[in-house]
Amino acid sequence: MCSKLGSHFQTFWTWITTWQSWV
């Protein structure tokens, strides 16, 4: 579960970084 949560968090963080670069 911890590994799965980490993977989900990484995807979320990548989306945040991409959104910030757009803005």
PDB file of N, CA and C in Angstrom:
ATOM      1  N   MET A   1       0.845  -1.198   0.000  1.00  0.00           N
ATOM      2  CA  MET A   1       0.000   0.000   0.000  1.00  0.00           C
ATOM      3  C   MET A   1       0.886   1.257   0.000  1.00  0.00           C
ATOM      4  N   CYS A   2       1.948   1.208   0.782  1.00  0.00           N
ATOM      5  CA  CYS A   2       2.831   2.366   0.861  1.00  0.00           C
ATOM      6  C   CYS A   2       3.422   2.677  -0.513  1.00  0.00           C
ATOM      7  N   SER A   3       3.806   1.609  -1.231  1.00  0.00           N
ATOM      8  CA  SER A   3       4.380   1.794  -2.561  1.00  0.00           C
ATOM      9  C   SER A   3       3.345   2.379  -3.511  1.00  0.00           C
ATOM     10  N   LYS A   4       2.103   1.885  -3.381  1.00  0.00           N
ATOM     11  CA  LYS A   4       1.034   2.369  -4.253  1.00  0.00           C
ATOM     12  C   LYS A   4       0.734   3.838  -3.965  1.00  0.00           C
ATOM     13  N   LEU A   5       0.748   4.200  -2.691  1.00  0.00           N
ATOM     14  CA  LEU A   5       0.485   5.580  -2.298  1.00  0.00           C
ATOM     15  C   LEU A   5       1.600   6.486  -2.811  1.00  0.00           C
ATOM     16  N   GLY A   6       2.828   6.018  -2.728  1.00  0.00           N
ATOM     17  CA  GLY A   6       3.966   6.799  -3.199  1.00  0.00           C
ATOM     18  C   GLY A   6       3.869   7.047  -4.693  1.00  0.00           C
ATOM     19  N   SER A   7       3.423   6.030  -5.432  1.00  0.00           N
ATOM     20  CA  SER A   7       3.296   6.165  -6.879  1.00  0.00           C
ATOM     21  C   SER A   7       2.220   7.183  -7.214  1.00  0.00           C
ATOM     22  N   HIS A   8       1.116   7.142  -6.471  1.00  0.00           N
ATOM     23  CA  HIS A   8       0.011   8.071  -6.706  1.00  0.00           C
ATOM     24  C   HIS A   8       0.445   9.492  -6.376  1.00  0.00           C
ATOM     25  N   PHE A   9       1.209   9.643  -5.305  1.00  0.00           N
ATOM     26  CA  PHE A   9       1.685  10.966  -4.902  1.00  0.00           C
ATOM     27  C   PHE A   9       2.638  11.531  -5.948  1.00  0.00           C
ATOM     28  N   GLN A  10       3.477  10.657  -6.525  1.00  0.00           N
ATOM     29  CA  GLN A  10       4.429  11.097  -7.548  1.00  0.00           C
ATOM     30  C   GLN A  10       3.684  11.610  -8.772  1.00  0.00           C
ATOM     31  N   THR A  11       2.603  10.906  -9.153  1.00  0.00           N
ATOM     32  CA  THR A  11       1.808  11.327 -10.303  1.00  0.00           C
ATOM     33  C   THR A  11       1.156  12.670 -10.017  1.00  0.00           C
ATOM     34  N   PHE A  12       0.665  12.837  -8.789  1.00  0.00           N
ATOM     35  CA  PHE A  12       0.021  14.085  -8.388  1.00  0.00           C
ATOM     36  C   PHE A  12       1.022  15.238  -8.407  1.00  0.00           C
ATOM     37  N   TRP A  13       2.224  14.979  -7.901  1.00  0.00           N
ATOM     38  CA  TRP A  13       3.251  16.015  -7.852  1.00  0.00           C
ATOM     39  C   TRP A  13       3.689  16.408  -9.259  1.00  0.00           C
ATOM     40  N   THR A  14       3.748  15.406 -10.167  1.00  0.00           N
ATOM     41  CA  THR A  14       4.126  15.679 -11.557  1.00  0.00           C
ATOM     42  C   THR A  14       3.089  16.574 -12.200  1.00  0.00           C
ATOM     43  N   TRP A  15       1.813  16.335 -11.888  1.00  0.00           N
ATOM     44  CA  TRP A  15       0.731  17.154 -12.440  1.00  0.00           C
ATOM     45  C   TRP A  15       0.831  18.584 -11.919  1.00  0.00           C
ATOM     46  N   ILE A  16       1.160  18.723 -10.643  1.00  0.00           N
ATOM     47  CA  ILE A  16       1.319  20.049 -10.034  1.00  0.00           C
ATOM     48  C   ILE A  16       2.455  20.806 -10.728  1.00  0.00           C
ATOM     49  N   THR A  17       3.589  20.128 -10.929  1.00  0.00           N
ATOM     50  CA  THR A  17       4.741  20.766 -11.563  1.00  0.00           C
ATOM     51  C   THR A  17       4.409  21.201 -12.977  1.00  0.00           C
ATOM     52  N   THR A  18       3.681  20.353 -13.704  1.00  0.00           N
ATOM     53  CA  THR A  18       3.307  20.681 -15.081  1.00  0.00           C
ATOM     54  C   THR A  18       2.363  21.867 -15.095  1.00  0.00           C
ATOM     55  N   TRP A  19       1.436  21.899 -14.156  1.00  0.00           N
ATOM     56  CA  TRP A  19       0.473  23.001 -14.080  1.00  0.00           C
ATOM     57  C   TRP A  19       1.180  24.315 -13.766  1.00  0.00           C
ATOM     58  N   GLN A  20       2.163  24.263 -12.860  1.00  0.00           N
ATOM     59  CA  GLN A  20       2.902  25.470 -12.498  1.00  0.00           C
ATOM     60  C   GLN A  20       3.685  25.990 -13.693  1.00  0.00           C
ATOM     61  N   SER A  21       4.243  25.084 -14.496  1.00  0.00           N
ATOM     62  CA  SER A  21       5.016  25.507 -15.659  1.00  0.00           C
ATOM     63  C   SER A  21       4.098  26.173 -16.682  1.00  0.00           C
ATOM     64  N   TRP A  22       2.844  25.720 -16.743  1.00  0.00           N
ATOM     65  CA  TRP A  22       1.873  26.329 -17.659  1.00  0.00           C
ATOM     66  C   TRP A  22       1.534  27.736 -17.197  1.00  0.00           C
ATOM     67  N   VAL A  23       1.390  27.897 -15.890  1.00  0.00           N
ATOM     68  CA  VAL A  23       1.056  29.197 -15.311  1.00  0.00           C
ATOM     69  C   VAL A  23       2.341  30.017 -15.182  1.00  0.00           C
TER      70      VAL A  23
END
